[in-house]
Structures are given as C-alpha cells and as structure tokens.
C-alpha atoms as a PDB file:
ATOM      1  CA  UNK A   1      19.780  68.970  72.194  1.00  0.00           C
ATOM      2  CA  UNK A   2      18.283  66.300  75.202  1.00  0.00           C
ATOM      3  CA  UNK A   3      14.996  68.037  74.459  1.00  0.00           C
ATOM      4  CA  UNK A   4      15.196  67.856  70.870  1.00  0.00           C
ATOM      5  CA  UNK A   5      15.827  63.623  70.863  1.00  0.00           C
ATOM      6  CA  UNK A   6      13.080  63.517  73.431  1.00  0.00           C
ATOM      7  CA  UNK A   7      11.106  65.138  70.691  1.00  0.00           C
ATOM      8  CA  UNK A   8      11.990  62.851  67.968  1.00  0.00           C
ATOM      9  CA  UNK A   9      11.409  59.736  70.139  1.00  0.00           C
ATOM     10  CA  UNK A  10       7.645  60.471  70.604  1.00  0.00           C
ATOM     11  CA  UNK A  11       7.225  61.137  67.192  1.00  0.00           C
ATOM     12  CA  UNK A  12       8.535  58.095  66.108  1.00  0.00           C
ATOM     13  CA  UNK A  13       6.391  56.284  68.885  1.00  0.00           C
ATOM     14  CA  UNK A  14       3.222  58.438  67.435  1.00  0.00           C
ATOM     15  CA  UNK A  15       3.923  57.327  64.014  1.00  0.00           C
ATOM     16  CA  UNK A  16       4.377  53.408  64.601  1.00  0.00           C
ATOM     17  CA  UNK A  17       1.012  53.342  66.670  1.00  0.00           C
ATOM     18  CA  UNK A  18      -1.157  55.033  63.820  1.00  0.00           C
ATOM     19  CA  UNK A  19      -0.016  52.239  61.475  1.00  0.00           C
ATOM     20  CA  UNK A  20      -0.692  49.548  63.777  1.00  0.00           C
ATOM     21  CA  UNK A  21      -4.147  51.187  64.548  1.00  0.00           C
ATOM     22  CA  UNK A  22      -4.840  51.491  60.595  1.00  0.00           C
ATOM     23  CA  UNK A  23      -3.971  47.503  60.407  1.00  0.00           C
ATOM     24  CA  UNK A  24      -6.164  46.340  63.170  1.00  0.00           C
ATOM     25  CA  UNK A  25      -9.049  48.654  61.365  1.00  0.00           C
ATOM     26  CA  UNK A  26      -8.552  46.982  58.116  1.00  0.00           C
ATOM     27  CA  UNK A  27      -8.713  43.558  59.444  1.00  0.00           C
ATOM     28  CA  UNK A  28     -11.631  43.899  62.286  1.00  0.00           C
ATOM     29  CA  UNK A  29     -14.164  46.359  60.253  1.00  0.00           C
ATOM     30  CA  UNK A  30     -16.884  44.658  58.645  1.00  0.00           C
ATOM     31  CA  UNK A  31     -17.724  45.038  55.055  1.00  0.00           C
ATOM     32  CA  UNK A  32     -13.838  46.550  54.085  1.00  0.00           C
ATOM     33  CA  UNK A  33     -13.406  46.715  50.490  1.00  0.00           C
ATOM     34  CA  UNK A  34      -9.994  46.728  48.580  1.00  0.00           C
ATOM     35  CA  UNK A  35      -9.056  49.712  46.858  1.00  0.00           C
ATOM     36  CA  UNK A  36      -9.791  48.313  43.465  1.00  0.00           C
ATOM     37  CA  UNK A  37     -12.455  45.755  43.829  1.00  0.00           C
ATOM     38  CA  UNK A  38     -12.350  43.227  40.609  1.00  0.00           C
ATOM     39  CA  UNK A  39     -15.286  44.082  38.408  1.00  0.00           C
ATOM     40  CA  UNK A  40     -18.570  41.396  38.668  1.00  0.00           C
ATOM     41  CA  UNK A  41     -19.947  40.617  35.367  1.00  0.00           C
ATOM     42  CA  UNK A  42     -23.792  41.029  35.626  1.00  0.00           C
ATOM     43  CA  UNK A  43     -26.592  38.588  34.768  1.00  0.00           C
ATOM     44  CA  UNK A  44     -27.402  40.947  31.702  1.00  0.00           C
ATOM     45  CA  UNK A  45     -23.772  40.807  30.283  1.00  0.00           C
ATOM     46  CA  UNK A  46     -23.666  36.961  30.794  1.00  0.00           C
ATOM     47  CA  UNK A  47     -27.308  36.489  29.355  1.00  0.00           C
ATOM     48  CA  UNK A  48     -25.863  38.407  26.367  1.00  0.00           C
ATOM     49  CA  UNK A  49     -22.702  36.447  26.152  1.00  0.00           C
ATOM     50  CA  UNK A  50     -24.985  33.447  26.075  1.00  0.00           C
ATOM     51  CA  UNK A  51     -27.464  34.586  23.197  1.00  0.00           C
ATOM     52  CA  UNK A  52     -23.770  35.274  21.069  1.00  0.00           C
ATOM     53  CA  UNK A  53     -22.849  32.002  21.431  1.00  0.00           C
ATOM     54  CA  UNK A  54     -26.138  30.627  20.291  1.00  0.00           C
ATOM     55  CA  UNK A  55     -26.069  32.608  17.424  1.00  0.00           C
ATOM     56  CA  UNK A  56     -22.419  31.761  16.473  1.00  0.00           C
ATOM     57  CA  UNK A  57     -24.054  27.873  16.879  1.00  0.00           C
ATOM     58  CA  UNK A  58     -21.148  27.200  19.784  1.00  0.00           C
ATOM     59  CA  UNK A  59     -23.528  25.003  21.634  1.00  0.00           C
ATOM     60  CA  UNK A  60     -20.421  24.263  24.112  1.00  0.00           C
ATOM     61  CA  UNK A  61     -19.622  28.004  24.929  1.00  0.00           C
ATOM     62  CA  UNK A  62     -23.348  28.665  25.303  1.00  0.00           C
ATOM     63  CA  UNK A  63     -23.877  25.855  27.426  1.00  0.00           C
ATOM     64  CA  UNK A  64     -20.961  27.001  29.752  1.00  0.00           C
ATOM     65  CA  UNK A  65     -21.906  30.656  29.731  1.00  0.00           C
ATOM     66  CA  UNK A  66     -25.930  29.424  30.549  1.00  0.00           C
ATOM     67  CA  UNK A  67     -24.801  27.484  33.435  1.00  0.00           C
ATOM     68  CA  UNK A  68     -22.586  29.839  34.756  1.00  0.00           C
ATOM     69  CA  UNK A  69     -25.524  32.229  34.759  1.00  0.00           C
ATOM     70  CA  UNK A  70     -27.949  29.850  36.196  1.00  0.00           C
ATOM     71  CA  UNK A  71     -25.374  28.965  39.259  1.00  0.00           C
ATOM     72  CA  UNK A  72     -24.793  32.658  40.184  1.00  0.00           C
ATOM     73  CA  UNK A  73     -27.896  34.483  39.409  1.00  0.00           C
ATOM     74  CA  UNK A  74     -30.479  31.700  40.455  1.00  0.00           C
ATOM     75  CA  UNK A  75     -33.164  33.888  40.676  1.00  0.00           C
ATOM     76  CA  UNK A  76     -32.987  36.431  38.198  1.00  0.00           C
ATOM     77  CA  UNK A  77     -35.190  37.042  35.441  1.00  0.00           C
ATOM     78  CA  UNK A  78     -32.227  36.399  32.993  1.00  0.00           C
ATOM     79  CA  UNK A  79     -31.267  32.797  34.461  1.00  0.00           C
ATOM     80  CA  UNK A  80     -35.353  31.883  34.191  1.00  0.00           C
ATOM     81  CA  UNK A  81     -35.370  33.039  30.606  1.00  0.00           C
ATOM     82  CA  UNK A  82     -33.144  30.414  29.324  1.00  0.00           C
ATOM     83  CA  UNK A  83     -34.256  27.673  31.474  1.00  0.00           C
ATOM     84  CA  UNK A  84     -35.986  25.978  28.851  1.00  0.00           C
ATOM     85  CA  UNK A  85     -33.400  26.904  26.291  1.00  0.00           C
ATOM     86  CA  UNK A  86     -30.730  25.328  28.200  1.00  0.00           C
ATOM     87  CA  UNK A  87     -32.340  22.511  29.017  1.00  0.00           C
ATOM     88  CA  UNK A  88     -33.230  21.895  25.344  1.00  0.00           C
ATOM     89  CA  UNK A  89     -29.280  22.528  24.193  1.00  0.00           C
ATOM     90  CA  UNK A  90     -28.434  20.078  27.039  1.00  0.00           C
ATOM     91  CA  UNK A  91     -30.739  17.496  25.135  1.00  0.00           C
ATOM     92  CA  UNK A  92     -29.381  18.476  21.892  1.00  0.00           C
ATOM     93  CA  UNK A  93     -25.937  18.254  23.074  1.00  0.00           C
ATOM     94  CA  UNK A  94     -26.502  14.739  24.451  1.00  0.00           C
ATOM     95  CA  UNK A  95     -28.292  13.550  21.365  1.00  0.00           C
ATOM     96  CA  UNK A  96     -25.445  14.855  18.887  1.00  0.00           C
ATOM     97  CA  UNK A  97     -22.924  12.895  21.519  1.00  0.00           C
ATOM     98  CA  UNK A  98     -24.968   9.480  21.242  1.00  0.00           C
ATOM     99  CA  UNK A  99     -25.419   9.835  17.779  1.00  0.00           C
ATOM    100  CA  UNK A 100     -21.820  10.139  17.174  1.00  0.00           C
ATOM    101  CA  UNK A 101     -21.079   7.398  19.577  1.00  0.00           C
ATOM    102  CA  UNK A 102     -23.632   5.042  17.193  1.00  0.00           C
ATOM    103  CA  UNK A 103     -21.822   6.239  14.301  1.00  0.00           C
ATOM    104  CA  UNK A 104     -18.610   5.228  15.763  1.00  0.00           C
ATOM    105  CA  UNK A 105     -20.042   1.955  16.770  1.00  0.00           C
ATOM    106  CA  UNK A 106     -21.339   0.909  13.567  1.00  0.00           C
ATOM    107  CA  UNK A 107     -18.092   2.046  11.855  1.00  0.00           C
ATOM    108  CA  UNK A 108     -16.540  -0.027  14.151  1.00  0.00           C
ATOM    109  CA  UNK A 109     -18.993  -2.907  13.705  1.00  0.00           C
ATOM    110  CA  UNK A 110     -18.338  -2.590   9.952  1.00  0.00           C
ATOM    111  CA  UNK A 111     -14.677  -2.790   9.766  1.00  0.00           C
ATOM    112  CA  UNK A 112     -14.321  -5.705  12.598  1.00  0.00           C
ATOM    113  CA  UNK A 113     -17.000  -7.474  10.068  1.00  0.00           C
ATOM    114  CA  UNK A 114     -15.106  -6.917   7.116  1.00  0.00           C
ATOM    115  CA  UNK A 115     -11.874  -7.960   8.751  1.00  0.00           C
ATOM    116  CA  UNK A 116     -13.833 -11.088  10.023  1.00  0.00           C
ATOM    117  CA  UNK A 117     -14.730 -11.966   6.400  1.00  0.00           C
ATOM    118  CA  UNK A 118     -11.497 -11.250   5.103  1.00  0.00           C
ATOM    119  CA  UNK A 119      -9.607 -13.422   7.707  1.00  0.00           C
ATOM    120  CA  UNK A 120     -12.695 -16.044   6.876  1.00  0.00           C
ATOM    121  CA  UNK A 121     -11.560 -15.977   3.014  1.00  0.00           C
ATOM    122  CA  UNK A 122      -7.973 -16.442   3.916  1.00  0.00           C
ATOM    123  CA  UNK A 123      -8.837 -19.621   5.907  1.00  0.00           C
ATOM    124  CA  UNK A 124     -10.713 -20.642   3.237  1.00  0.00           C
ATOM    125  CA  UNK A 125      -8.365 -20.206   0.374  1.00  0.00           C
ATOM    126  CA  UNK A 126      -5.680 -21.848   2.820  1.00  0.00           C
ATOM    127  CA  UNK A 127      -7.868 -24.713   3.608  1.00  0.00           C
ATOM    128  CA  UNK A 128      -8.442 -24.841  -0.316  1.00  0.00           C
ATOM    129  CA  UNK A 129      -4.637 -25.124  -0.932  1.00  0.00           C
ATOM    130  CA  UNK A 130      -4.022 -27.370   1.637  1.00  0.00           C
ATOM    131  CA  UNK A 131      -6.540 -29.753   0.612  1.00  0.00           C
ATOM    132  CA  UNK A 132      -4.938 -29.702  -3.091  1.00  0.00           C
ATOM    133  CA  UNK A 133      -1.444 -30.057  -1.638  1.00  0.00           C
ATOM    134  CA  UNK A 134      -2.475 -33.004   0.287  1.00  0.00           C
ATOM    135  CA  UNK A 135      -4.220 -34.539  -2.576  1.00  0.00           C
ATOM    136  CA  UNK A 136      -1.253 -34.115  -4.957  1.00  0.00           C
ATOM    137  CA  UNK A 137       0.975 -35.699  -2.300  1.00  0.00           C
ATOM    138  CA  UNK A 138      -0.974 -38.483  -1.991  1.00  0.00           C
ATOM    139  CA  UNK A 139      -1.612 -39.084  -5.645  1.00  0.00           C
ATOM    140  CA  UNK A 140       2.196 -38.414  -5.890  1.00  0.00           C
ATOM    141  CA  UNK A 141       2.917 -40.875  -3.492  1.00  0.00           C
ATOM    142  CA  UNK A 142       0.216 -43.591  -5.344  1.00  0.00           C
ATOM    143  CA  UNK A 143       2.139 -42.692  -8.158  1.00  0.00           C
ATOM    144  CA  UNK A 144       5.617 -43.025  -6.888  1.00  0.00           C
ATOM    145  CA  UNK A 145       4.519 -46.546  -4.899  1.00  0.00           C
ATOM    146  CA  UNK A 146       3.534 -47.816  -8.753  1.00  0.00           C
ATOM    147  CA  UNK A 147       6.592 -46.691 -10.220  1.00  0.00           C
ATOM    148  CA  UNK A 148       8.806 -48.094  -7.092  1.00  0.00           C
ATOM    149  CA  UNK A 149       7.035 -51.387  -7.222  1.00  0.00           C
ATOM    150  CA  UNK A 150       9.819 -53.251  -9.751  1.00  0.00           C
ATOM    151  CA  UNK A 151      12.792 -51.380  -7.709  1.00  0.00           C
ATOM    152  CA  UNK A 152      14.924 -53.604  -5.448  1.00  0.00           C
ATOM    153  CA  UNK A 153      14.918 -52.169  -1.846  1.00  0.00           C
ATOM    154  CA  UNK A 154      16.253 -52.147   1.293  1.00  0.00           C
ATOM    155  CA  UNK A 155      15.041 -51.122   4.660  1.00  0.00           C
ATOM    156  CA  UNK A 156      17.112 -49.720   7.141  1.00  0.00           C
ATOM    157  CA  UNK A 157      14.983 -50.300  10.704  1.00  0.00           C
ATOM    158  CA  UNK A 158      17.671 -47.834  12.802  1.00  0.00           C
ATOM    159  CA  UNK A 159      17.503 -45.119  10.128  1.00  0.00           C
ATOM    160  CA  UNK A 160      13.672 -45.821   9.351  1.00  0.00           C
ATOM    161  CA  UNK A 161      14.506 -44.973   5.616  1.00  0.00           C
ATOM    162  CA  UNK A 162      14.091 -47.173   2.432  1.00  0.00           C
ATOM    163  CA  UNK A 163      16.598 -47.432  -0.377  1.00  0.00           C
ATOM    164  CA  UNK A 164      15.481 -48.170  -3.741  1.00  0.00           C
ATOM    165  CA  UNK A 165      17.930 -49.475  -6.493  1.00  0.00           C
ATOM    166  CA  UNK A 166      16.671 -49.329  -9.944  1.00  0.00           C
ATOM    167  CA  UNK A 167      16.567 -52.857 -11.561  1.00  0.00           C
ATOM    168  CA  UNK A 168      19.432 -53.665 -13.561  1.00  0.00           C
ATOM    169  CA  UNK A 169      21.767 -51.485 -11.865  1.00  0.00           C
ATOM    170  CA  UNK A 170      24.034 -53.701  -9.223  1.00  0.00           C
ATOM    171  CA  UNK A 171      25.077 -51.022  -7.069  1.00  0.00           C
ATOM    172  CA  UNK A 172      26.902 -53.660  -4.713  1.00  0.00           C
ATOM    173  CA  UNK A 173      29.759 -55.453  -6.698  1.00  0.00           C
ATOM    174  CA  UNK A 174      31.866 -54.707  -9.601  1.00  0.00           C
ATOM    175  CA  UNK A 175      32.211 -51.318 -11.143  1.00  0.00           C
ATOM    176  CA  UNK A 176      29.157 -49.163 -11.818  1.00  0.00           C
ATOM    177  CA  UNK A 177      27.744 -45.472 -12.073  1.00  0.00           C
ATOM    178  CA  UNK A 178      24.368 -44.749 -11.185  1.00  0.00           C
ATOM    179  CA  UNK A 179      21.528 -43.556  -9.187  1.00  0.00           C
ATOM    180  CA  UNK A 180      19.413 -44.321  -5.928  1.00  0.00           C
ATOM    181  CA  UNK A 181      16.750 -43.110  -3.746  1.00  0.00           C
ATOM    182  CA  UNK A 182      16.108 -42.801   0.015  1.00  0.00           C
ATOM    183  CA  UNK A 183      12.523 -42.280   1.273  1.00  0.00           C
ATOM    184  CA  UNK A 184      11.823 -41.561   4.898  1.00  0.00           C
ATOM    185  CA  UNK A 185       9.265 -43.896   6.432  1.00  0.00           C
ATOM    186  CA  UNK A 186       7.378 -40.760   7.969  1.00  0.00           C
ATOM    187  CA  UNK A 187       6.816 -39.394   4.278  1.00  0.00           C
ATOM    188  CA  UNK A 188       9.260 -36.968   4.340  1.00  0.00           C
ATOM    189  CA  UNK A 189      11.403 -35.457   1.369  1.00  0.00           C
ATOM    190  CA  UNK A 190      13.163 -38.129  -0.652  1.00  0.00           C
ATOM    191  CA  UNK A 191      16.736 -37.953  -1.216  1.00  0.00           C
ATOM    192  CA  UNK A 192      18.283 -38.360  -4.749  1.00  0.00           C
ATOM    193  CA  UNK A 193      21.861 -39.828  -4.458  1.00  0.00           C
ATOM    194  CA  UNK A 194      24.457 -40.448  -6.862  1.00  0.00           C
ATOM    195  CA  UNK A 195      27.421 -43.178  -6.490  1.00  0.00           C
ATOM    196  CA  UNK A 196      30.050 -44.919  -8.469  1.00  0.00           C
ATOM    197  CA  UNK A 197      32.047 -47.784  -7.837  1.00  0.00           C
ATOM    198  CA  UNK A 198      35.885 -49.069  -9.198  1.00  0.00           C
ATOM    199  CA  UNK A 199      36.507 -52.314  -8.841  1.00  0.00           C
ATOM    200  CA  UNK A 200      40.000 -54.027  -9.814  1.00  0.00           C
ATOM    201  CA  UNK A 201      43.140 -55.746  -9.130  1.00  0.00           C
ATOM    202  CA  UNK A 202      44.661 -52.754  -8.427  1.00  0.00           C
ATOM    203  CA  UNK A 203      44.272 -49.401  -7.066  1.00  0.00           C
ATOM    204  CA  UNK A 204      43.822 -46.329  -8.871  1.00  0.00           C
ATOM    205  CA  UNK A 205      43.413 -43.649  -5.690  1.00  0.00           C
ATOM    206  CA  UNK A 206      40.844 -42.231  -7.732  1.00  0.00           C
ATOM    207  CA  UNK A 207      41.011 -38.407  -7.438  1.00  0.00           C
ATOM    208  CA  UNK A 208      38.688 -37.286 -10.662  1.00  0.00           C
ATOM    209  CA  UNK A 209      36.128 -38.127 -12.724  1.00  0.00           C
ATOM    210  CA  UNK A 210      36.234 -37.397 -16.732  1.00  0.00           C
ATOM    211  CA  UNK A 211      32.796 -37.400 -18.384  1.00  0.00           C
ATOM    212  CA  UNK A 212      32.766 -38.107 -22.588  1.00  0.00           C
ATOM    213  CA  UNK A 213      28.626 -38.161 -23.675  1.00  0.00           C
ATOM    214  CA  UNK A 214      28.438 -38.969 -27.233  1.00  0.00           C
ATOM    215  CA  UNK A 215      32.007 -37.749 -28.165  1.00  0.00           C
ATOM    216  CA  UNK A 216      31.894 -34.900 -26.053  1.00  0.00           C
ATOM    217  CA  UNK A 217      34.029 -34.086 -23.001  1.00  0.00           C
ATOM    218  CA  UNK A 218      31.980 -33.160 -20.132  1.00  0.00           C
ATOM    219  CA  UNK A 219      33.661 -31.044 -17.275  1.00  0.00           C
ATOM    220  CA  UNK A 220      35.150 -33.188 -14.814  1.00  0.00           C
ATOM    221  CA  UNK A 221      34.764 -33.778 -10.914  1.00  0.00           C
ATOM    222  CA  UNK A 222      37.418 -33.324  -8.592  1.00  0.00           C
ATOM    223  CA  UNK A 223      37.205 -35.390  -5.152  1.00  0.00           C
ATOM    224  CA  UNK A 224      39.176 -33.590  -2.128  1.00  0.00           C
ATOM    225  CA  UNK A 225      41.306 -35.647   0.048  1.00  0.00           C
ATOM    226  CA  UNK A 226      38.846 -38.478   2.122  1.00  0.00           C
ATOM    227  CA  UNK A 227      36.095 -38.240  -0.292  1.00  0.00           C
ATOM    228  CA  UNK A 228      36.694 -41.874  -1.751  1.00  0.00           C
ATOM    229  CA  UNK A 229      36.332 -44.656   0.364  1.00  0.00           C
ATOM    230  CA  UNK A 230      38.281 -47.764  -0.234  1.00  0.00           C
ATOM    231  CA  UNK A 231      38.121 -51.372   0.654  1.00  0.00           C
ATOM    232  CA  UNK A 232      39.853 -54.612  -0.736  1.00  0.00           C
ATOM    233  CA  UNK A 233      39.550 -58.542  -0.207  1.00  0.00           C
ATOM    234  CA  UNK A 234      40.751 -61.686  -1.643  1.00  0.00           C
ATOM    235  CA  UNK A 235      43.243 -59.606  -3.940  1.00  0.00           C
ATOM    236  CA  UNK A 236      40.323 -57.332  -5.275  1.00  0.00           C
ATOM    237  CA  UNK A 237      40.066 -53.603  -4.299  1.00  0.00           C
ATOM    238  CA  UNK A 238      37.389 -51.237  -3.939  1.00  0.00           C
ATOM    239  CA  UNK A 239      37.060 -47.303  -4.620  1.00  0.00           C
ATOM    240  CA  UNK A 240      33.594 -45.652  -4.186  1.00  0.00           C
ATOM    241  CA  UNK A 241      31.993 -42.309  -3.772  1.00  0.00           C
ATOM    242  CA  UNK A 242      28.319 -41.384  -3.010  1.00  0.00           C
ATOM    243  CA  UNK A 243      26.584 -38.136  -2.278  1.00  0.00           C
ATOM    244  CA  UNK A 244      23.134 -36.576  -2.600  1.00  0.00           C
ATOM    245  CA  UNK A 245      22.377 -35.212  -6.087  1.00  0.00           C
ATOM    246  CA  UNK A 246      22.662 -31.258  -5.407  1.00  0.00           C
ATOM    247  CA  UNK A 247      20.335 -28.528  -7.481  1.00  0.00           C
ATOM    248  CA  UNK A 248      18.853 -28.559 -10.798  1.00  0.00           C
ATOM    249  CA  UNK A 249      21.863 -28.765 -12.823  1.00  0.00           C
ATOM    250  CA  UNK A 250      23.568 -31.638 -11.503  1.00  0.00           C
ATOM    251  CA  UNK A 251      20.320 -33.690 -12.157  1.00  0.00           C
ATOM    252  CA  UNK A 252      20.070 -31.993 -15.645  1.00  0.00           C
ATOM    253  CA  UNK A 253      23.639 -33.911 -16.222  1.00  0.00           C
ATOM    254  CA  UNK A 254      22.228 -37.240 -14.831  1.00  0.00           C
ATOM    255  CA  UNK A 255      19.489 -36.592 -17.378  1.00  0.00           C
ATOM    256  CA  UNK A 256      22.007 -36.175 -20.093  1.00  0.00           C
ATOM    257  CA  UNK A 257      23.819 -39.231 -19.468  1.00  0.00           C
ATOM    258  CA  UNK A 258      20.546 -41.243 -19.361  1.00  0.00           C
ATOM    259  CA  UNK A 259      19.260 -40.183 -22.849  1.00  0.00           C
ATOM    260  CA  UNK A 260      22.796 -40.432 -24.351  1.00  0.00           C
ATOM    261  CA  UNK A 261      23.945 -43.323 -26.877  1.00  0.00           C
ATOM    262  CA  UNK A 262      27.212 -43.882 -25.313  1.00  0.00           C
ATOM    263  CA  UNK A 263      28.765 -42.535 -22.090  1.00  0.00           C
ATOM    264  CA  UNK A 264      32.565 -43.271 -21.064  1.00  0.00           C
ATOM    265  CA  UNK A 265      33.420 -42.554 -17.240  1.00  0.00           C
ATOM    266  CA  UNK A 266      37.073 -42.343 -16.671  1.00  0.00           C
ATOM    267  CA  UNK A 267      38.405 -42.782 -13.058  1.00  0.00           C
ATOM    268  CA  UNK A 268      41.570 -40.889 -12.774  1.00  0.00           C
ATOM    269  CA  UNK A 269      44.223 -41.705 -10.258  1.00  0.00           C
ATOM    270  CA  UNK A 270      47.537 -40.494  -9.481  1.00  0.00           C
ATOM    271  CA  UNK A 271      49.076 -42.479 -12.274  1.00  0.00           C
ATOM    272  CA  UNK A 272      46.762 -44.696 -13.707  1.00  0.00           C
ATOM    273  CA  UNK A 273      43.094 -44.249 -15.176  1.00  0.00           C
ATOM    274  CA  UNK A 274      40.039 -46.946 -15.586  1.00  0.00           C
ATOM    275  CA  UNK A 275      37.371 -46.278 -18.504  1.00  0.00           C
ATOM    276  CA  UNK A 276      33.891 -47.707 -17.978  1.00  0.00           C
ATOM    277  CA  UNK A 277      31.096 -47.690 -20.514  1.00  0.00           C
ATOM    278  CA  UNK A 278      27.600 -47.106 -19.357  1.00  0.00           C
ATOM    279  CA  UNK A 279      25.709 -50.054 -19.737  1.00  0.00           C
ATOM    280  CA  UNK A 280      22.084 -49.987 -20.973  1.00  0.00           C
ATOM    281  CA  UNK A 281      20.661 -50.909 -17.818  1.00  0.00           C
ATOM    282  CA  UNK A 282      22.861 -48.235 -16.174  1.00  0.00           C
ATOM    283  CA  UNK A 283      21.238 -45.348 -18.373  1.00  0.00           C
ATOM    284  CA  UNK A 284      17.841 -46.835 -18.141  1.00  0.00           C
ATOM    285  CA  UNK A 285      18.222 -47.022 -14.534  1.00  0.00           C
ATOM    286  CA  UNK A 286      19.161 -43.186 -14.327  1.00  0.00           C
ATOM    287  CA  UNK A 287      16.016 -42.134 -16.151  1.00  0.00           C
ATOM    288  CA  UNK A 288      13.522 -44.418 -14.133  1.00  0.00           C
ATOM    289  CA  UNK A 289      15.435 -42.950 -10.949  1.00  0.00           C
ATOM    290  CA  UNK A 290      14.914 -39.506 -11.941  1.00  0.00           C
ATOM    291  CA  UNK A 291      11.169 -39.682 -13.351  1.00  0.00           C
ATOM    292  CA  UNK A 292      10.238 -41.155  -9.710  1.00  0.00           C
ATOM    293  CA  UNK A 293      12.048 -38.560  -7.807  1.00  0.00           C
ATOM    294  CA  UNK A 294      10.360 -35.952  -9.957  1.00  0.00           C
ATOM    295  CA  UNK A 295       7.171 -37.526  -9.487  1.00  0.00           C
ATOM    296  CA  UNK A 296       7.579 -37.683  -6.034  1.00  0.00           C
ATOM    297  CA  UNK A 297       8.857 -34.315  -5.369  1.00  0.00           C
ATOM    298  CA  UNK A 298       6.954 -32.216  -8.430  1.00  0.00           C
ATOM    299  CA  UNK A 299      10.140 -31.178  -9.827  1.00  0.00           C
ATOM    300  CA  UNK A 300      10.862 -29.813 -12.992  1.00  0.00           C
END
C-alpha cells in the first residue's frame, strides 16, 4: 500500500514538471507561432481591393486601401504601381474638398448679402416712415397751434402742461357743460377732458346726468360716491365733475351735442334737479375742441 502511494506521488511530480517545461519552452523558444495564426492580407489582395473601389468610384475607400498597401508593403510591385494613381486621387479629393468649401463660402456670402440688403431695405423703409410721421406731427402741431391761437389758456409750471379753453365758454363760474384740452409741454399726447358745473343757491347733491338732444333722451350718466366735487361761498354752492373723454364712443356723444339744435342737461340730485340748456357758445366750443384734438392726434 505504501509502495502504491509513493508511485502516485512520483507520477504527479513528473506530470507537473512536464507542464512547467512546456510553458517555459513556449515563452523562450524563438519564432514560436500560435496554433491558429491570423490570416495576413497580401499586397495582391490589397491591390485588387483598391482597383475594385476605384471602379465603384469610392474615392475615400480607395485612398484608405491604397494607403494601407503603401505602408504595409512599401517595396512591393503593387505599391509601386499605385503610387502615381494614389497621388492623383489625393489631389482630386483635395480639389473636390476645396471646391465644396468655395461653393459653401459663396452661398454664405450670397445669403449674408441678401440678409444685409433686406435689413437695409427695412431700415430705409423705417427711416421713410419715421420721416413721414415726423413731418405729419410737425404739420399737425403747426395746424393745432393756429387753431389754438384764439383759445384761452392757462399754463401750469409745476405740472408742465397748458390748459386750453374754447372762447365763449366760461368754465370758471356759473353753470356750464363743455370740453377743454390739456397739452404737455414736451409735445406728448394731448388729453381731451369734459367738465360740468352746477351753480346755485341750494345743494342738489348731483348723482346723475340726463341729456335730451333735439327731443331725444340720451342714456344717463351715473356718478359714484365721491365723484362730485362740492364747494360753497357767500351763499352760492358749486357741484362739479371733471374727467378724461374715454374712447371714440364718448367723443361721438360730444360731437352729437355740439351739432344739435337744442340740448338740455339735467343735473339730478337726491330730491331735486336743475336743467341747463347748452348755449350756442358751449356747443361751438365742443366742436372747436373736438376739431383741434382730432387734428393733433389724427383721430377719426
């Protein structure tokens, strides 16, 4: 039994020694080759591949294969045979590349020129519009100045505006109903405002205006609490309201009032009311103010 164990140990050491020997020989022996070496493409095969790509007009592929052939087999007859064609191919590809770049630059230059021309056209059109608008504003300002020449005016140095009132419309004392204009000193957009004032011995506490134009009742105007200003002195009371003319519809109402034959304005209070018939001066003043305002703002 002991002899068998000894024989097995000897056999194991012998096998191990043979394995180590084979490994060492595989490492140190020169020219050792793998059992299945990778196939190497030949110069002839590369030349055949190159010619096939040239026939297919695959310039990029042909250049790649030719470069591989000249680098791997520089001294071969195949490499020598394609030296001149390869140089021509490189020159052709370079020329094609440069031509494409030139076309792209030309296209970009045309696009830039077209964009610049369009921008210049827009700028010229804008300059023309601006010049026309400036001329129109200047002409309107000149016309408005002529129209306002006969108007009463008051300049507010603090607010830097001028108030214009049509001649024949008091808008200071007594009862009246009319329009006036506020023009900024800096030439900004003017504001058309309307104002009424009731003056009498007794308070009405006006809450509503009712208009009758040539026998037709016009929708009334209601005033919220606090919208009416009130004052009194020496037995006389005043109730008034002042606001901007908002929108074309409200302006059209004043145009209708100015052109009417007879307009009755009723100041309705809590218990009492007072009627005021617009004078010829008040109606004329409305038309004058509307005309000047539309001329200054080019409103229809």
